Amino acid sequence: LRKQTDKGMLVRITPDLCRTVTFHRMNFMDDTYKLPKEFAKPFHAVFCRNMLIYFDHETQKKVLLNLARHMAKGSVLFTGHAEPLHGLSIPFERLTNSVYLMPA
C-alpha cells in the first residue's frame, strides 16, 4: 500500500503479504546461520543495509558468497547505498544501486 504523507511517500506491507514474511536474527560470520528448521528454506529477499561497510573486502566477499548459497534463484539482495559490490567476485547481478539479483 502506498500513501503520500506530509513527510513523503509511506509504503506499508499488506497484512496478507506480512503473514508470509519471516524475520530471524542471523550471525553473518556463521557459515550455516544455525537457522531453525522452519527457516531453512532458500531466502527470496535479503536486506543487508549498512552492514557490509563494517567488514574488510575479503570478509564482505565471504559473507556474500555464503548468503548466495542460501538464496533462491531469482531472489533479490538489498544493500546500503555506501556498499557497492563492484570488484568482488560474487554471483549477483546489479539491477540498480544497492539492489542485486541472484540469477536463475
Protein backbone atom coordinates (compact mmCIF):
# COMPACT_ATOMS: atom_id res chain seq x y z
CA LEU A 1 0.00 0.00 0.00
CA ARG A 2 1.35 3.43 -0.92
CA LYS A 3 0.21 6.69 0.58
CA GLN A 4 1.53 10.23 0.18
CA THR A 5 2.02 11.99 3.54
CA ASP A 6 3.39 15.38 4.54
CA LYS A 7 6.70 13.60 5.25
CA GLY A 8 6.84 11.87 1.86
CA MET A 9 5.70 8.57 0.45
CA LEU A 10 4.68 5.94 3.00
CA VAL A 11 4.80 2.31 1.94
CA ARG A 12 3.21 -0.44 4.02
CA ILE A 13 3.14 -4.16 3.56
CA THR A 14 -0.38 -5.52 3.26
CA PRO A 15 -1.46 -7.93 6.03
CA ASP A 16 -1.67 -10.83 3.54
CA LEU A 17 1.95 -10.34 2.48
CA CYS A 18 3.07 -9.71 6.05
CA ARG A 19 1.81 -13.16 7.07
CA THR A 20 4.15 -14.76 4.50
CA VAL A 21 7.28 -12.93 5.71
CA THR A 22 9.57 -14.46 8.31
CA PHE A 23 12.13 -12.49 10.29
CA HIS A 24 15.05 -14.09 12.10
CA ARG A 25 18.35 -12.86 13.52
CA MET A 26 21.47 -14.35 11.99
CA ASN A 27 25.20 -14.14 12.51
CA PHE A 28 26.66 -13.39 9.08
CA MET A 29 30.02 -14.83 10.14
CA ASP A 30 28.44 -18.25 10.78
CA ASP A 31 28.63 -20.38 7.62
CA THR A 32 25.45 -22.33 8.40
CA TYR A 33 23.49 -19.49 10.07
CA LYS A 34 22.12 -22.11 12.52
CA LEU A 35 18.57 -21.37 11.49
CA PRO A 36 15.64 -23.27 12.97
CA LYS A 37 14.27 -25.97 10.66
CA GLU A 38 11.23 -23.86 9.67
CA PHE A 39 13.58 -21.13 8.37
CA ALA A 40 15.81 -23.46 6.36
CA LYS A 41 14.17 -22.65 3.01
CA PRO A 42 16.09 -20.54 0.46
CA PHE A 43 15.80 -16.80 1.03
CA HIS A 44 13.83 -14.77 -1.53
CA ALA A 45 14.90 -11.34 -0.30
CA VAL A 46 17.79 -10.33 1.93
CA PHE A 47 18.22 -6.86 3.40
CA CYS A 48 21.85 -6.08 4.34
CA ARG A 49 21.56 -2.34 4.54
CA ASN A 50 24.63 -0.63 6.02
CA MET A 51 26.13 -3.82 7.36
CA LEU A 52 28.83 -4.71 4.83
CA ILE A 53 30.68 -1.40 5.30
CA TYR A 54 31.96 -2.69 8.65
CA PHE A 55 33.81 -5.62 7.02
CA ASP A 56 37.05 -5.64 5.04
CA HIS A 57 36.98 -6.61 1.35
CA GLU A 58 37.69 -10.33 1.92
CA THR A 59 35.08 -10.64 4.69
CA GLN A 60 32.49 -8.89 2.51
CA LYS A 61 33.15 -11.46 -0.21
CA LYS A 62 32.90 -14.36 2.26
CA VAL A 63 29.60 -13.08 3.68
CA LEU A 64 28.11 -12.50 0.23
CA LEU A 65 29.16 -15.91 -1.10
CA ASN A 66 27.63 -17.55 1.96
CA LEU A 67 24.40 -15.59 1.51
CA ALA A 68 24.33 -16.60 -2.16
CA ARG A 69 24.39 -20.28 -1.14
CA HIS A 70 21.23 -19.70 0.94
CA MET A 71 19.31 -17.61 -1.61
CA ALA A 72 16.77 -18.83 -4.13
CA LYS A 73 17.39 -18.31 -7.84
CA GLY A 74 15.76 -15.03 -8.88
CA SER A 75 15.87 -13.61 -5.33
CA VAL A 76 16.99 -10.08 -4.52
CA LEU A 77 19.72 -8.68 -2.25
CA PHE A 78 19.36 -5.13 -0.93
CA THR A 79 22.46 -3.33 0.36
CA GLY A 80 23.11 0.18 1.60
CA HIS A 81 23.98 2.97 -0.85
CA ALA A 82 27.50 3.15 0.62
CA GLU A 83 28.09 -0.54 -0.08
CA PRO A 84 28.92 -1.02 -3.75
CA LEU A 85 29.75 -4.63 -4.56
CA HIS A 86 31.87 -3.97 -7.64
CA GLY A 87 35.27 -5.60 -7.60
CA LEU A 88 34.01 -8.59 -5.63
CA SER A 89 33.83 -11.92 -7.42
CA ILE A 90 30.26 -12.82 -6.39
CA PRO A 91 27.31 -14.37 -8.26
CA PHE A 92 24.94 -11.38 -8.02
CA GLU A 93 23.87 -9.20 -10.96
CA ARG A 94 23.47 -5.48 -10.25
CA LEU A 95 19.95 -4.21 -11.01
CA THR A 96 20.36 -0.68 -9.61
CA ASN A 97 22.40 1.00 -6.91
CA SER A 98 22.14 -1.24 -3.85
CA VAL A 99 19.81 -3.84 -5.48
CA TYR A 100 21.27 -7.12 -6.76
CA LEU A 101 19.70 -10.20 -8.35
CA MET A 102 20.63 -13.83 -7.77
CA PRO A 103 20.49 -15.12 -11.36
CA ALA A 104 18.41 -18.16 -12.27
